[in-house]
Amino acid sequence: MAQQGNFKSPSRMGALEGGAPASSSGSVPGGKAREEGLKGVDFERRGFLGKVVGGVGAAVAVSTLYPVVKFIIPPVREIKEVKEMVVGKASEVPLNSGKIFAFNKDKVIVINDNGTLTACSAVCTHLGCLVRWEDKDNQIFCPCHGAKYTQTGEIISGPQPLPLAPFGVRVEGDDLIISIV
């Protein structure tokens, strides 16, 4: 009949050799007990390799996700706010027409009505659509919901709650200058 259990257990070794004590302390040569020499340190190969693979995986994930996040989130652009600015040439706005220019963070429509220049916000106060100048009706029109404004931005009709914000406009030489009113 075969004996079951650990082949090198202290009781088995004592029975085979006759010289080993029946209760071995499991000490390591050098006099230190195994538990005392490596107290609090777990040097299992499988655990160590798991930590290394996890660290490499985390480094790969971070190095992959960082450029993706930087691509998705646009950089913050700071626009310097000024009180007045040259936006273009006066010749860019022909008689009886209007043209939209960028001014600070706003869009401004400049209208040339028989040589008289006026400027107001080009963003409708209803839902933020861009307006346009309708020469045949001599008014500013919002194509989104039919809002109508006068040349100076006052409400004629439509669902908009407020008039368009006015801006100052003047010509120096051929430069078209828009300013905050």
Protein backbone atom coordinates (compact mmCIF):
# COMPACT_ATOMS: atom_id res chain seq x y z
CA MET A 1 0.00 0.00 0.00
CA ALA A 2 1.35 3.41 -1.03
CA GLN A 3 1.75 6.09 1.55
CA GLN A 4 -0.18 9.28 0.93
CA GLY A 5 0.83 12.82 1.82
CA ASN A 6 3.88 14.99 1.43
CA PHE A 7 6.98 12.96 0.47
CA LYS A 8 9.32 15.26 2.37
CA SER A 9 7.19 15.97 5.41
CA PRO A 10 9.14 15.97 8.70
CA SER A 11 7.31 12.94 10.04
CA ARG A 12 8.01 10.96 6.87
CA MET A 13 11.66 12.01 6.84
CA GLY A 14 11.99 10.92 10.47
CA ALA A 15 10.47 7.58 9.72
CA LEU A 16 12.71 7.00 6.70
CA GLU A 17 16.02 8.24 7.99
CA GLY A 18 15.49 7.91 11.66
CA GLY A 19 17.54 11.03 12.32
CA ALA A 20 15.19 13.92 11.54
CA PRO A 21 13.12 15.32 14.37
CA ALA A 22 9.38 14.79 14.10
CA SER A 23 8.62 18.50 14.53
CA SER A 24 10.72 20.64 12.22
CA SER A 25 10.51 24.43 12.52
CA GLY A 26 11.03 24.96 8.79
CA SER A 27 14.09 27.10 9.34
CA VAL A 28 16.45 28.19 6.63
CA PRO A 29 20.17 27.43 6.86
CA GLY A 30 21.79 30.35 8.62
CA GLY A 31 19.66 30.21 11.71
CA LYS A 32 16.74 32.49 10.68
CA ALA A 33 13.21 31.22 10.51
CA ARG A 34 11.66 31.53 7.06
CA GLU A 35 8.90 33.86 8.26
CA GLU A 36 11.28 36.24 10.07
CA GLY A 37 13.65 36.90 7.12
CA LEU A 38 10.99 38.06 4.61
CA LYS A 39 8.43 39.61 6.93
CA GLY A 40 5.83 41.66 4.97
CA VAL A 41 7.35 40.92 1.54
CA ASP A 42 5.54 38.74 -0.97
CA PHE A 43 7.95 37.59 -3.65
CA GLU A 44 5.75 35.21 -5.56
CA ARG A 45 6.68 35.06 -9.22
CA ARG A 46 3.08 35.06 -10.43
CA GLY A 47 2.17 38.15 -8.38
CA PHE A 48 5.27 40.02 -9.56
CA LEU A 49 4.60 39.25 -13.21
CA GLY A 50 0.98 40.31 -12.78
CA LYS A 51 2.10 43.69 -11.44
CA VAL A 52 4.61 44.16 -14.27
CA VAL A 53 2.04 43.29 -16.95
CA GLY A 54 -0.53 45.58 -15.29
CA GLY A 55 1.97 48.46 -15.19
CA VAL A 56 2.91 48.02 -18.85
CA GLY A 57 -0.79 47.83 -19.77
CA ALA A 58 -1.52 51.03 -17.85
CA ALA A 59 1.38 52.81 -19.57
CA VAL A 60 0.14 51.71 -23.00
CA ALA A 61 -3.43 52.78 -22.18
CA VAL A 62 -2.34 56.23 -20.98
CA SER A 63 -0.02 56.78 -23.96
CA THR A 64 -2.87 55.83 -26.31
CA LEU A 65 -5.69 57.75 -24.63
CA TYR A 66 -3.80 61.02 -24.04
CA PRO A 67 -3.52 61.99 -27.75
CA VAL A 68 -7.12 60.92 -28.38
CA VAL A 69 -8.40 63.14 -25.56
CA LYS A 70 -6.21 66.06 -26.72
CA PHE A 71 -7.66 65.65 -30.23
CA ILE A 72 -11.28 65.56 -29.06
CA ILE A 73 -11.05 68.52 -26.67
CA PRO A 74 -10.08 71.63 -28.66
CA PRO A 75 -7.53 74.04 -27.22
CA VAL A 76 -8.80 77.18 -25.58
CA ARG A 77 -8.21 80.19 -27.80
CA GLU A 78 -8.10 83.52 -26.10
CA ILE A 79 -9.32 86.47 -28.14
CA LYS A 80 -8.11 89.84 -27.01
CA GLU A 81 -11.10 92.12 -26.55
CA VAL A 82 -10.68 95.55 -28.14
CA LYS A 83 -12.95 98.59 -28.19
CA GLU A 84 -12.48 99.20 -31.90
CA MET A 85 -10.88 97.37 -34.77
CA VAL A 86 -10.25 97.57 -38.51
CA VAL A 87 -12.28 94.70 -39.97
CA GLY A 88 -11.78 95.24 -43.68
CA LYS A 89 -12.06 97.74 -46.52
CA ALA A 90 -15.05 100.00 -47.07
CA SER A 91 -15.14 98.85 -50.69
CA GLU A 92 -16.03 95.31 -49.48
CA VAL A 93 -19.56 96.54 -48.67
CA PRO A 94 -21.13 97.74 -51.96
CA LEU A 95 -24.09 100.13 -52.10
CA ASN A 96 -27.42 98.72 -50.87
CA SER A 97 -25.91 95.54 -49.43
CA GLY A 98 -24.65 94.13 -46.17
CA LYS A 99 -21.63 92.09 -45.17
CA ILE A 100 -20.81 90.19 -41.98
CA PHE A 101 -17.46 90.79 -40.25
CA ALA A 102 -15.86 89.19 -37.18
CA PHE A 103 -15.34 91.63 -34.30
CA ASN A 104 -13.93 90.32 -30.99
CA LYS A 105 -16.12 87.27 -30.25
CA ASP A 106 -19.10 88.69 -32.16
CA LYS A 107 -20.31 88.72 -35.73
CA VAL A 108 -21.31 92.18 -36.93
CA ILE A 109 -23.32 93.02 -40.04
CA VAL A 110 -22.34 96.28 -41.74
CA ILE A 111 -25.02 97.72 -44.00
CA ASN A 112 -24.36 100.26 -46.77
CA ASP A 113 -27.72 101.88 -47.50
CA ASN A 114 -27.06 104.44 -50.29
CA GLY A 115 -23.73 105.43 -48.71
CA THR A 116 -24.95 105.45 -45.09
CA LEU A 117 -23.14 102.81 -43.05
CA THR A 118 -24.74 101.18 -40.01
CA ALA A 119 -23.62 98.19 -37.97
CA CYS A 120 -25.30 95.85 -35.52
CA SER A 121 -24.91 92.29 -34.27
CA ALA A 122 -25.36 89.66 -36.97
CA VAL A 123 -26.62 87.07 -34.47
CA CYS A 124 -30.40 86.81 -34.08
CA THR A 125 -31.55 87.14 -30.48
CA HIS A 126 -34.08 84.33 -30.91
CA LEU A 127 -31.90 81.24 -31.45
CA GLY A 128 -28.51 82.61 -32.50
CA CYS A 129 -28.80 82.24 -36.29
CA LEU A 130 -26.88 84.58 -38.58
CA VAL A 131 -29.03 87.30 -40.14
CA ARG A 132 -28.73 88.83 -43.62
CA TRP A 133 -29.60 92.13 -45.30
CA GLU A 134 -32.63 92.07 -47.60
CA ASP A 135 -32.23 95.04 -49.98
CA LYS A 136 -35.66 94.68 -51.62
CA ASP A 137 -37.39 95.01 -48.21
CA ASN A 138 -34.74 97.37 -46.76
CA GLN A 139 -34.48 95.29 -43.57
CA ILE A 140 -32.42 92.68 -41.77
CA PHE A 141 -33.91 89.18 -42.01
CA CYS A 142 -33.26 85.99 -40.02
CA PRO A 143 -33.81 82.94 -42.24
CA CYS A 144 -34.31 80.53 -39.31
CA HIS A 145 -37.68 81.70 -37.99
CA GLY A 146 -38.56 84.80 -40.00
CA ALA A 147 -37.42 87.50 -37.56
CA LYS A 148 -37.22 90.97 -39.11
CA TYR A 149 -35.21 93.96 -37.92
CA THR A 150 -34.68 97.53 -39.06
CA GLN A 151 -31.33 98.68 -40.43
CA THR A 152 -30.28 99.71 -36.90
CA GLY A 153 -31.36 96.37 -35.32
CA GLU A 154 -34.78 97.34 -33.90
CA ILE A 155 -37.51 94.66 -33.94
CA ILE A 156 -40.06 94.75 -36.80
CA SER A 157 -41.66 91.31 -36.37
CA GLY A 158 -40.92 87.72 -35.40
CA PRO A 159 -40.28 85.60 -32.33
CA GLN A 160 -37.07 87.36 -31.19
CA PRO A 161 -37.12 88.71 -27.62
CA LEU A 162 -34.58 91.54 -28.01
CA PRO A 163 -33.28 93.88 -30.71
CA LEU A 164 -29.83 93.38 -32.25
CA ALA A 165 -26.96 94.98 -30.33
CA PRO A 166 -25.74 98.18 -32.05
CA PHE A 167 -22.11 98.81 -33.02
CA GLY A 168 -20.38 101.94 -34.23
CA VAL A 169 -18.93 102.02 -37.75
CA ARG A 170 -16.75 104.57 -39.53
CA VAL A 171 -14.41 104.80 -42.51
CA GLU A 172 -10.86 106.15 -42.32
CA GLY A 173 -9.21 106.17 -45.73
CA ASP A 174 -10.45 102.86 -47.13
CA ASP A 175 -10.41 101.07 -43.74
CA LEU A 176 -13.71 100.01 -42.21
CA ILE A 177 -13.56 100.40 -38.42
CA ILE A 178 -16.11 98.84 -36.05
CA SER A 179 -16.35 99.92 -32.42
CA ILE A 180 -18.34 99.11 -29.31
CA VAL A 181 -21.14 101.61 -28.63
